[in-house]
Amino acid sequence: MSTTITPIERTPNIGPLLAADLRAVGIDSLEALMRVGFWDAWLQLRRANPERDCVPACLSLAGAVAGVRWNHLPPRVRADIRQRVKAARA
């Protein structure tokens, strides 16, 4: 049984800068991101770089885990993520 590993750079929604930030916190593949979950991955990124623009990164991570472009996430899910990020920033 072979396990396919998708490099984080080849994951939908994950551009080169976000990929580099994810690698810096030890998340180097889509499978690793899925194991960690988008929210915990975002919290790790936030701890590593508090100045990062967080809502787009969190939406991108959520879309990557769901297997869709972030703007294809249901509106309620996007609104929930925005609220969670806002609460975490407070």
C-alpha atoms as a PDB file:
ATOM      1  CA  MET A   1       0.000   0.000   0.000  1.00  0.00           C
ATOM      2  CA  SER A   2       1.556   3.286  -1.067  1.00  0.00           C
ATOM      3  CA  THR A   3       0.693   6.570   0.541  1.00  0.00           C
ATOM      4  CA  THR A   4       0.524   9.621  -1.673  1.00  0.00           C
ATOM      5  CA  ILE A   5       2.004  12.769  -0.205  1.00  0.00           C
ATOM      6  CA  THR A   6       0.939  16.104  -1.689  1.00  0.00           C
ATOM      7  CA  PRO A   7       3.599  18.771  -1.142  1.00  0.00           C
ATOM      8  CA  ILE A   8       2.062  21.788   0.576  1.00  0.00           C
ATOM      9  CA  GLU A   9       3.074  24.004  -2.373  1.00  0.00           C
ATOM     10  CA  ARG A  10       0.899  21.931  -4.705  1.00  0.00           C
ATOM     11  CA  THR A  11      -2.203  22.255  -2.550  1.00  0.00           C
ATOM     12  CA  PRO A  12      -5.092  24.407  -3.853  1.00  0.00           C
ATOM     13  CA  ASN A  13      -5.335  27.774  -2.043  1.00  0.00           C
ATOM     14  CA  ILE A  14      -1.748  27.582  -0.783  1.00  0.00           C
ATOM     15  CA  GLY A  15       0.580  30.061  -2.473  1.00  0.00           C
ATOM     16  CA  PRO A  16       4.359  30.220  -2.063  1.00  0.00           C
ATOM     17  CA  LEU A  17       4.342  32.529   0.982  1.00  0.00           C
ATOM     18  CA  LEU A  18       1.708  30.561   2.880  1.00  0.00           C
ATOM     19  CA  ALA A  19       3.486  27.322   1.932  1.00  0.00           C
ATOM     20  CA  ALA A  20       6.772  28.665   3.332  1.00  0.00           C
ATOM     21  CA  ASP A  21       5.046  29.740   6.554  1.00  0.00           C
ATOM     22  CA  LEU A  22       3.412  26.319   6.893  1.00  0.00           C
ATOM     23  CA  ARG A  23       6.730  24.555   6.336  1.00  0.00           C
ATOM     24  CA  ALA A  24       8.281  26.780   9.016  1.00  0.00           C
ATOM     25  CA  VAL A  25       5.793  25.395  11.560  1.00  0.00           C
ATOM     26  CA  GLY A  26       6.304  21.804  10.405  1.00  0.00           C
ATOM     27  CA  ILE A  27       3.353  21.368   8.035  1.00  0.00           C
ATOM     28  CA  ASP A  28       4.900  20.231   4.755  1.00  0.00           C
ATOM     29  CA  SER A  29       2.068  18.404   2.983  1.00  0.00           C
ATOM     30  CA  LEU A  30      -1.678  18.486   2.449  1.00  0.00           C
ATOM     31  CA  GLU A  31      -1.902  15.288   4.465  1.00  0.00           C
ATOM     32  CA  ALA A  32      -0.089  16.922   7.406  1.00  0.00           C
ATOM     33  CA  LEU A  33      -2.446  19.910   7.157  1.00  0.00           C
ATOM     34  CA  MET A  34      -5.438  17.578   7.188  1.00  0.00           C
ATOM     35  CA  ARG A  35      -4.094  15.785  10.270  1.00  0.00           C
ATOM     36  CA  VAL A  36      -3.557  19.077  12.112  1.00  0.00           C
ATOM     37  CA  GLY A  37      -6.774  20.696  10.884  1.00  0.00           C
ATOM     38  CA  PHE A  38      -7.122  24.167   9.436  1.00  0.00           C
ATOM     39  CA  TRP A  39      -7.823  25.901  12.746  1.00  0.00           C
ATOM     40  CA  ASP A  40      -4.867  24.447  14.643  1.00  0.00           C
ATOM     41  CA  ALA A  41      -2.631  25.102  11.630  1.00  0.00           C
ATOM     42  CA  TRP A  42      -3.809  28.716  11.600  1.00  0.00           C
ATOM     43  CA  LEU A  43      -3.135  29.047  15.340  1.00  0.00           C
ATOM     44  CA  GLN A  44       0.403  27.744  14.788  1.00  0.00           C
ATOM     45  CA  LEU A  45       0.938  30.289  11.986  1.00  0.00           C
ATOM     46  CA  ARG A  46      -0.450  33.050  14.206  1.00  0.00           C
ATOM     47  CA  ARG A  47       1.917  32.165  17.045  1.00  0.00           C
ATOM     48  CA  ALA A  48       4.872  32.091  14.651  1.00  0.00           C
ATOM     49  CA  ASN A  49       3.965  35.380  12.929  1.00  0.00           C
ATOM     50  CA  PRO A  50       1.320  37.468  14.759  1.00  0.00           C
ATOM     51  CA  GLU A  51       1.469  40.262  12.161  1.00  0.00           C
ATOM     52  CA  ARG A  52       0.270  38.035   9.294  1.00  0.00           C
ATOM     53  CA  ASP A  53      -3.026  38.958   7.642  1.00  0.00           C
ATOM     54  CA  CYS A  54      -4.987  36.143   9.171  1.00  0.00           C
ATOM     55  CA  VAL A  55      -8.464  35.908   7.634  1.00  0.00           C
ATOM     56  CA  PRO A  56      -7.288  35.088   4.092  1.00  0.00           C
ATOM     57  CA  ALA A  57      -4.794  32.531   5.404  1.00  0.00           C
ATOM     58  CA  CYS A  58      -7.440  30.850   7.551  1.00  0.00           C
ATOM     59  CA  LEU A  59      -9.932  30.733   4.668  1.00  0.00           C
ATOM     60  CA  SER A  60      -7.237  29.280   2.404  1.00  0.00           C
ATOM     61  CA  LEU A  61      -6.397  26.583   4.946  1.00  0.00           C
ATOM     62  CA  ALA A  62     -10.069  25.701   5.438  1.00  0.00           C
ATOM     63  CA  GLY A  63     -10.582  25.412   1.687  1.00  0.00           C
ATOM     64  CA  ALA A  64      -7.467  23.272   1.308  1.00  0.00           C
ATOM     65  CA  VAL A  65      -8.678  20.843   3.976  1.00  0.00           C
ATOM     66  CA  ALA A  66     -12.161  20.761   2.401  1.00  0.00           C
ATOM     67  CA  GLY A  67     -10.682  20.199  -1.055  1.00  0.00           C
ATOM     68  CA  VAL A  68     -12.207  23.337  -2.596  1.00  0.00           C
ATOM     69  CA  ARG A  69     -11.147  26.857  -3.469  1.00  0.00           C
ATOM     70  CA  TRP A  70     -11.712  29.036  -0.397  1.00  0.00           C
ATOM     71  CA  ASN A  71     -14.406  31.069  -2.172  1.00  0.00           C
ATOM     72  CA  HIS A  72     -16.379  27.846  -2.740  1.00  0.00           C
ATOM     73  CA  LEU A  73     -16.751  27.299   0.992  1.00  0.00           C
ATOM     74  CA  PRO A  74     -20.381  27.851   1.996  1.00  0.00           C
ATOM     75  CA  PRO A  75     -21.065  31.479   3.043  1.00  0.00           C
ATOM     76  CA  ARG A  76     -21.968  30.356   6.573  1.00  0.00           C
ATOM     77  CA  VAL A  77     -18.634  28.557   6.922  1.00  0.00           C
ATOM     78  CA  ARG A  78     -16.730  31.638   5.696  1.00  0.00           C
ATOM     79  CA  ALA A  79     -18.672  33.872   8.107  1.00  0.00           C
ATOM     80  CA  ASP A  80     -17.943  31.462  10.978  1.00  0.00           C
ATOM     81  CA  ILE A  81     -14.226  31.479  10.147  1.00  0.00           C
ATOM     82  CA  ARG A  82     -14.176  35.296  10.030  1.00  0.00           C
ATOM     83  CA  GLN A  83     -15.877  35.409  13.447  1.00  0.00           C
ATOM     84  CA  ARG A  84     -13.439  32.884  14.938  1.00  0.00           C
ATOM     85  CA  VAL A  85     -10.442  34.835  13.616  1.00  0.00           C
ATOM     86  CA  LYS A  86     -11.876  38.097  14.958  1.00  0.00           C
ATOM     87  CA  ALA A  87     -12.420  36.509  18.373  1.00  0.00           C
ATOM     88  CA  ALA A  88      -8.899  35.065  18.385  1.00  0.00           C
ATOM     89  CA  ARG A  89      -7.436  38.488  17.589  1.00  0.00           C
ATOM     90  CA  ALA A  90      -9.248  40.137  20.520  1.00  0.00           C
END
